[in-house]
């Protein structure tokens, strides 16, 4: 980093933004295999937050790759950079006082840990959307497993590229056997219990 770059202090503080929104900011980091239901659950949680007059923003893996990260591929090196960039964006959003919902496969534990370390203590909430591979493959909402099995997609997480399951997530959703509404309520309950929302 250049020595000519200096962090600019704002007149409006992080605490000011949180007080204005009457909530504690955090990053809900939804991780799981493709087809596990990360985006679906995150969408349902955000709808409940919106209904409760909370301030949030949902960062979705596919949406971000249409813009900010459209220059990245799916090899391991670019996957690491994809998560690094998202972590920095999530940090900025959390600093603004928002509840950030981030739905990314993010297959590597070290990458998720690096995002955790970017944030204030307690602001990173790892949400493991735990859906068995066979269920994800049956769902295959984007037809990606079929393409991967046919050899049309390389480095596909869960098949020829590893997914490292969270070892101690703050929220563990058994998403293969429960309805989306129930899973979303589990996340909301966590946020209420831990004082992020009223």
C-alpha atoms as a PDB file:
ATOM      1  CA  UNK A   1       0.000   0.000   0.000  1.00  0.00           C
ATOM      2  CA  UNK A   2       1.284   3.474  -0.854  1.00  0.00           C
ATOM      3  CA  UNK A   3       2.519   5.625   2.043  1.00  0.00           C
ATOM      4  CA  UNK A   4       0.523   8.470   0.478  1.00  0.00           C
ATOM      5  CA  UNK A   5      -2.792   6.769   1.306  1.00  0.00           C
ATOM      6  CA  UNK A   6      -4.209   7.899   4.656  1.00  0.00           C
ATOM      7  CA  UNK A   7      -7.424   6.671   6.316  1.00  0.00           C
ATOM      8  CA  UNK A   8      -9.988   9.495   6.323  1.00  0.00           C
ATOM      9  CA  UNK A   9     -11.926   9.980   9.552  1.00  0.00           C
ATOM     10  CA  UNK A  10     -15.661  10.668   9.212  1.00  0.00           C
ATOM     11  CA  UNK A  11     -17.694  13.150  11.233  1.00  0.00           C
ATOM     12  CA  UNK A  12     -20.463  10.552  11.596  1.00  0.00           C
ATOM     13  CA  UNK A  13     -19.170   7.621  13.642  1.00  0.00           C
ATOM     14  CA  UNK A  14     -19.919   3.913  13.499  1.00  0.00           C
ATOM     15  CA  UNK A  15     -21.811   4.267  16.800  1.00  0.00           C
ATOM     16  CA  UNK A  16     -23.876   7.156  15.379  1.00  0.00           C
ATOM     17  CA  UNK A  17     -24.963   5.023  12.433  1.00  0.00           C
ATOM     18  CA  UNK A  18     -25.904   2.092  14.689  1.00  0.00           C
ATOM     19  CA  UNK A  19     -27.938   4.307  17.017  1.00  0.00           C
ATOM     20  CA  UNK A  20     -29.771   5.858  14.091  1.00  0.00           C
ATOM     21  CA  UNK A  21     -30.808   2.395  12.903  1.00  0.00           C
ATOM     22  CA  UNK A  22     -31.592   1.030  16.392  1.00  0.00           C
ATOM     23  CA  UNK A  23     -29.716  -2.198  15.756  1.00  0.00           C
ATOM     24  CA  UNK A  24     -26.320  -3.833  16.153  1.00  0.00           C
ATOM     25  CA  UNK A  25     -24.602  -4.435  12.814  1.00  0.00           C
ATOM     26  CA  UNK A  26     -23.317  -7.853  11.856  1.00  0.00           C
ATOM     27  CA  UNK A  27     -22.429 -10.006   8.885  1.00  0.00           C
ATOM     28  CA  UNK A  28     -24.496 -13.161   8.513  1.00  0.00           C
ATOM     29  CA  UNK A  29     -22.172 -15.318   6.412  1.00  0.00           C
ATOM     30  CA  UNK A  30     -24.256 -18.078   4.787  1.00  0.00           C
ATOM     31  CA  UNK A  31     -21.971 -20.874   3.593  1.00  0.00           C
ATOM     32  CA  UNK A  32     -22.781 -24.252   2.092  1.00  0.00           C
ATOM     33  CA  UNK A  33     -22.699 -26.269  -1.107  1.00  0.00           C
ATOM     34  CA  UNK A  34     -24.239 -25.097  -4.358  1.00  0.00           C
ATOM     35  CA  UNK A  35     -27.960 -25.831  -4.106  1.00  0.00           C
ATOM     36  CA  UNK A  36     -27.909 -25.974  -0.296  1.00  0.00           C
ATOM     37  CA  UNK A  37     -30.375 -23.095  -0.021  1.00  0.00           C
ATOM     38  CA  UNK A  38     -28.028 -20.290   1.074  1.00  0.00           C
ATOM     39  CA  UNK A  39     -29.599 -17.590  -1.092  1.00  0.00           C
ATOM     40  CA  UNK A  40     -33.126 -18.838  -0.462  1.00  0.00           C
ATOM     41  CA  UNK A  41     -32.724 -18.743   3.314  1.00  0.00           C
ATOM     42  CA  UNK A  42     -30.854 -15.425   3.221  1.00  0.00           C
ATOM     43  CA  UNK A  43     -33.694 -13.940   1.148  1.00  0.00           C
ATOM     44  CA  UNK A  44     -36.253 -15.170   3.655  1.00  0.00           C
ATOM     45  CA  UNK A  45     -34.246 -13.749   6.572  1.00  0.00           C
ATOM     46  CA  UNK A  46     -33.907 -10.376   4.870  1.00  0.00           C
ATOM     47  CA  UNK A  47     -37.656 -10.257   4.226  1.00  0.00           C
ATOM     48  CA  UNK A  48     -38.277 -10.810   7.949  1.00  0.00           C
ATOM     49  CA  UNK A  49     -35.724  -8.125   8.859  1.00  0.00           C
ATOM     50  CA  UNK A  50     -37.366  -5.683   6.464  1.00  0.00           C
ATOM     51  CA  UNK A  51     -40.792  -6.435   7.944  1.00  0.00           C
ATOM     52  CA  UNK A  52     -39.302  -5.723  11.383  1.00  0.00           C
ATOM     53  CA  UNK A  53     -37.978  -2.330  10.136  1.00  0.00           C
ATOM     54  CA  UNK A  54     -34.353  -3.435  10.358  1.00  0.00           C
ATOM     55  CA  UNK A  55     -31.778  -2.110   7.915  1.00  0.00           C
ATOM     56  CA  UNK A  56     -30.022  -4.812   5.899  1.00  0.00           C
ATOM     57  CA  UNK A  57     -28.417  -5.652   2.575  1.00  0.00           C
ATOM     58  CA  UNK A  58     -28.016  -9.026   0.886  1.00  0.00           C
ATOM     59  CA  UNK A  59     -24.810  -9.816  -1.015  1.00  0.00           C
ATOM     60  CA  UNK A  60     -25.338 -12.856  -3.234  1.00  0.00           C
ATOM     61  CA  UNK A  61     -22.568 -14.801  -4.932  1.00  0.00           C
ATOM     62  CA  UNK A  62     -24.011 -14.818  -8.453  1.00  0.00           C
ATOM     63  CA  UNK A  63     -25.087 -11.162  -8.276  1.00  0.00           C
ATOM     64  CA  UNK A  64     -21.642  -9.998  -7.171  1.00  0.00           C
ATOM     65  CA  UNK A  65     -19.984 -11.969  -9.980  1.00  0.00           C
ATOM     66  CA  UNK A  66     -22.089  -9.980 -12.468  1.00  0.00           C
ATOM     67  CA  UNK A  67     -20.318  -6.774 -11.423  1.00  0.00           C
ATOM     68  CA  UNK A  68     -17.626  -6.333  -8.782  1.00  0.00           C
ATOM     69  CA  UNK A  69     -16.103  -9.783  -9.346  1.00  0.00           C
ATOM     70  CA  UNK A  70     -16.911 -10.402 -13.010  1.00  0.00           C
ATOM     71  CA  UNK A  71     -13.177 -10.589 -13.775  1.00  0.00           C
ATOM     72  CA  UNK A  72     -12.711 -13.668 -11.555  1.00  0.00           C
ATOM     73  CA  UNK A  73     -12.867 -17.334 -12.565  1.00  0.00           C
ATOM     74  CA  UNK A  74     -13.607 -20.331 -10.344  1.00  0.00           C
ATOM     75  CA  UNK A  75     -10.082 -21.610  -9.806  1.00  0.00           C
ATOM     76  CA  UNK A  76      -8.858 -21.737  -6.197  1.00  0.00           C
ATOM     77  CA  UNK A  77      -6.847 -18.505  -6.440  1.00  0.00           C
ATOM     78  CA  UNK A  78      -9.780 -16.502  -7.824  1.00  0.00           C
ATOM     79  CA  UNK A  79     -12.151 -18.020  -5.276  1.00  0.00           C
ATOM     80  CA  UNK A  80      -9.897 -16.703  -2.517  1.00  0.00           C
ATOM     81  CA  UNK A  81      -9.889 -13.234  -4.121  1.00  0.00           C
ATOM     82  CA  UNK A  82     -13.675 -13.383  -4.579  1.00  0.00           C
ATOM     83  CA  UNK A  83     -14.170 -13.893  -0.836  1.00  0.00           C
ATOM     84  CA  UNK A  84     -11.510 -11.313   0.069  1.00  0.00           C
ATOM     85  CA  UNK A  85     -13.334  -8.631  -1.934  1.00  0.00           C
ATOM     86  CA  UNK A  86     -16.703  -9.591  -0.503  1.00  0.00           C
ATOM     87  CA  UNK A  87     -15.256  -9.482   3.005  1.00  0.00           C
ATOM     88  CA  UNK A  88     -14.075  -5.921   2.440  1.00  0.00           C
ATOM     89  CA  UNK A  89     -17.479  -4.872   1.067  1.00  0.00           C
ATOM     90  CA  UNK A  90     -19.275  -6.566   3.974  1.00  0.00           C
ATOM     91  CA  UNK A  91     -16.982  -4.741   6.411  1.00  0.00           C
ATOM     92  CA  UNK A  92     -17.924  -1.378   4.883  1.00  0.00           C
ATOM     93  CA  UNK A  93     -21.631  -2.199   5.006  1.00  0.00           C
ATOM     94  CA  UNK A  94     -21.359  -3.315   8.641  1.00  0.00           C
ATOM     95  CA  UNK A  95     -19.504  -0.091   9.451  1.00  0.00           C
ATOM     96  CA  UNK A  96     -22.509   1.789   8.049  1.00  0.00           C
ATOM     97  CA  UNK A  97     -24.651   0.044  10.682  1.00  0.00           C
ATOM     98  CA  UNK A  98     -26.291  -2.503   8.409  1.00  0.00           C
ATOM     99  CA  UNK A  99     -27.059  -6.156   8.987  1.00  0.00           C
ATOM    100  CA  UNK A 100     -25.271  -7.755   6.037  1.00  0.00           C
ATOM    101  CA  UNK A 101     -26.415 -11.088   4.635  1.00  0.00           C
ATOM    102  CA  UNK A 102     -23.737 -12.756   2.538  1.00  0.00           C
ATOM    103  CA  UNK A 103     -24.595 -15.916   0.571  1.00  0.00           C
ATOM    104  CA  UNK A 104     -21.445 -17.490  -0.886  1.00  0.00           C
ATOM    105  CA  UNK A 105     -20.235 -21.076  -1.108  1.00  0.00           C
ATOM    106  CA  UNK A 106     -16.904 -19.831   0.346  1.00  0.00           C
ATOM    107  CA  UNK A 107     -15.518 -23.377   0.486  1.00  0.00           C
ATOM    108  CA  UNK A 108     -12.292 -22.708   2.402  1.00  0.00           C
ATOM    109  CA  UNK A 109     -12.165 -22.236   6.195  1.00  0.00           C
ATOM    110  CA  UNK A 110      -9.154 -19.925   5.992  1.00  0.00           C
ATOM    111  CA  UNK A 111     -11.059 -17.511   3.737  1.00  0.00           C
ATOM    112  CA  UNK A 112     -14.043 -17.401   6.074  1.00  0.00           C
ATOM    113  CA  UNK A 113     -11.682 -16.850   8.997  1.00  0.00           C
ATOM    114  CA  UNK A 114     -10.020 -13.944   7.194  1.00  0.00           C
ATOM    115  CA  UNK A 115     -13.392 -12.257   6.770  1.00  0.00           C
ATOM    116  CA  UNK A 116     -14.141 -12.847  10.464  1.00  0.00           C
ATOM    117  CA  UNK A 117     -10.872 -11.122  11.364  1.00  0.00           C
ATOM    118  CA  UNK A 118     -11.789  -8.048   9.282  1.00  0.00           C
ATOM    119  CA  UNK A 119     -14.793  -7.341  11.493  1.00  0.00           C
ATOM    120  CA  UNK A 120     -15.282  -6.172  15.049  1.00  0.00           C
ATOM    121  CA  UNK A 121     -15.486  -8.877  17.711  1.00  0.00           C
ATOM    122  CA  UNK A 122     -18.836 -10.667  17.523  1.00  0.00           C
ATOM    123  CA  UNK A 123     -19.952  -9.097  14.227  1.00  0.00           C
ATOM    124  CA  UNK A 124     -19.196 -12.137  12.038  1.00  0.00           C
ATOM    125  CA  UNK A 125     -21.909 -14.794  12.305  1.00  0.00           C
ATOM    126  CA  UNK A 126     -21.138 -17.940  10.338  1.00  0.00           C
ATOM    127  CA  UNK A 127     -24.340 -19.623   9.168  1.00  0.00           C
ATOM    128  CA  UNK A 128     -23.722 -23.154   7.942  1.00  0.00           C
ATOM    129  CA  UNK A 129     -26.524 -24.131   5.560  1.00  0.00           C
ATOM    130  CA  UNK A 130     -25.990 -27.860   5.990  1.00  0.00           C
ATOM    131  CA  UNK A 131     -27.592 -29.770   3.133  1.00  0.00           C
ATOM    132  CA  UNK A 132     -26.316 -33.216   2.077  1.00  0.00           C
ATOM    133  CA  UNK A 133     -24.585 -33.329  -1.303  1.00  0.00           C
ATOM    134  CA  UNK A 134     -27.150 -35.779  -2.668  1.00  0.00           C
ATOM    135  CA  UNK A 135     -29.991 -33.375  -1.800  1.00  0.00           C
ATOM    136  CA  UNK A 136     -28.156 -30.432  -3.403  1.00  0.00           C
ATOM    137  CA  UNK A 137     -27.568 -32.529  -6.499  1.00  0.00           C
ATOM    138  CA  UNK A 138     -31.235 -33.566  -6.664  1.00  0.00           C
ATOM    139  CA  UNK A 139     -32.305 -29.917  -6.418  1.00  0.00           C
ATOM    140  CA  UNK A 140     -29.649 -28.677  -8.887  1.00  0.00           C
ATOM    141  CA  UNK A 141     -31.568 -25.394  -9.439  1.00  0.00           C
ATOM    142  CA  UNK A 142     -29.068 -24.056 -11.983  1.00  0.00           C
ATOM    143  CA  UNK A 143     -28.207 -27.379 -13.637  1.00  0.00           C
ATOM    144  CA  UNK A 144     -24.611 -27.014 -12.468  1.00  0.00           C
ATOM    145  CA  UNK A 145     -24.196 -30.500 -10.978  1.00  0.00           C
ATOM    146  CA  UNK A 146     -25.392 -32.035 -14.230  1.00  0.00           C
ATOM    147  CA  UNK A 147     -22.853 -29.948 -16.178  1.00  0.00           C
ATOM    148  CA  UNK A 148     -20.091 -30.792 -13.693  1.00  0.00           C
ATOM    149  CA  UNK A 149     -20.854 -34.526 -13.863  1.00  0.00           C
ATOM    150  CA  UNK A 150     -20.719 -34.274 -17.656  1.00  0.00           C
ATOM    151  CA  UNK A 151     -17.292 -32.634 -17.431  1.00  0.00           C
ATOM    152  CA  UNK A 152     -18.499 -29.254 -18.712  1.00  0.00           C
ATOM    153  CA  UNK A 153     -17.565 -27.465 -15.460  1.00  0.00           C
ATOM    154  CA  UNK A 154     -14.202 -27.915 -13.765  1.00  0.00           C
ATOM    155  CA  UNK A 155     -13.321 -27.283 -10.091  1.00  0.00           C
ATOM    156  CA  UNK A 156     -16.918 -27.720  -8.942  1.00  0.00           C
ATOM    157  CA  UNK A 157     -17.230 -27.530  -5.162  1.00  0.00           C
ATOM    158  CA  UNK A 158     -18.292 -30.791  -3.569  1.00  0.00           C
ATOM    159  CA  UNK A 159     -17.303 -32.878  -6.587  1.00  0.00           C
ATOM    160  CA  UNK A 160     -13.781 -32.190  -7.866  1.00  0.00           C
ATOM    161  CA  UNK A 161     -13.034 -29.241  -5.571  1.00  0.00           C
ATOM    162  CA  UNK A 162     -13.254 -29.491  -1.766  1.00  0.00           C
ATOM    163  CA  UNK A 163     -15.777 -27.876   0.565  1.00  0.00           C
ATOM    164  CA  UNK A 164     -14.458 -27.464   4.109  1.00  0.00           C
ATOM    165  CA  UNK A 165     -17.402 -27.585   6.484  1.00  0.00           C
ATOM    166  CA  UNK A 166     -17.473 -25.041   9.337  1.00  0.00           C
ATOM    167  CA  UNK A 167     -16.090 -26.472  12.580  1.00  0.00           C
ATOM    168  CA  UNK A 168     -18.024 -24.283  15.005  1.00  0.00           C
ATOM    169  CA  UNK A 169     -20.526 -22.056  13.202  1.00  0.00           C
ATOM    170  CA  UNK A 170     -22.601 -19.629  15.246  1.00  0.00           C
ATOM    171  CA  UNK A 171     -25.721 -20.945  13.478  1.00  0.00           C
ATOM    172  CA  UNK A 172     -26.013 -24.486  12.098  1.00  0.00           C
ATOM    173  CA  UNK A 173     -29.070 -24.917   9.864  1.00  0.00           C
ATOM    174  CA  UNK A 174     -30.134 -28.458   9.029  1.00  0.00           C
ATOM    175  CA  UNK A 175     -31.371 -27.322   5.649  1.00  0.00           C
ATOM    176  CA  UNK A 176     -31.941 -30.696   4.067  1.00  0.00           C
ATOM    177  CA  UNK A 177     -34.928 -31.520   6.227  1.00  0.00           C
ATOM    178  CA  UNK A 178     -36.591 -28.243   7.339  1.00  0.00           C
ATOM    179  CA  UNK A 179     -38.764 -25.713   5.490  1.00  0.00           C
ATOM    180  CA  UNK A 180     -37.233 -22.353   4.573  1.00  0.00           C
ATOM    181  CA  UNK A 181     -39.521 -20.366   6.906  1.00  0.00           C
ATOM    182  CA  UNK A 182     -38.387 -22.416   9.883  1.00  0.00           C
ATOM    183  CA  UNK A 183     -34.717 -21.982   8.963  1.00  0.00           C
ATOM    184  CA  UNK A 184     -35.172 -18.214   8.593  1.00  0.00           C
ATOM    185  CA  UNK A 185     -36.816 -18.022  12.015  1.00  0.00           C
ATOM    186  CA  UNK A 186     -33.819 -19.799  13.548  1.00  0.00           C
ATOM    187  CA  UNK A 187     -31.576 -17.016  12.249  1.00  0.00           C
ATOM    188  CA  UNK A 188     -33.950 -14.288  13.471  1.00  0.00           C
ATOM    189  CA  UNK A 189     -34.120 -15.943  16.898  1.00  0.00           C
ATOM    190  CA  UNK A 190     -30.321 -15.910  17.104  1.00  0.00           C
ATOM    191  CA  UNK A 191     -30.225 -12.206  16.230  1.00  0.00           C
ATOM    192  CA  UNK A 192     -32.844 -11.387  18.875  1.00  0.00           C
ATOM    193  CA  UNK A 193     -31.240 -13.555  21.552  1.00  0.00           C
ATOM    194  CA  UNK A 194     -27.840 -11.948  20.988  1.00  0.00           C
ATOM    195  CA  UNK A 195     -29.150  -8.374  20.923  1.00  0.00           C
ATOM    196  CA  UNK A 196     -28.602  -7.526  17.265  1.00  0.00           C
ATOM    197  CA  UNK A 197     -32.266  -6.679  16.765  1.00  0.00           C
ATOM    198  CA  UNK A 198     -35.171  -5.895  19.082  1.00  0.00           C
END
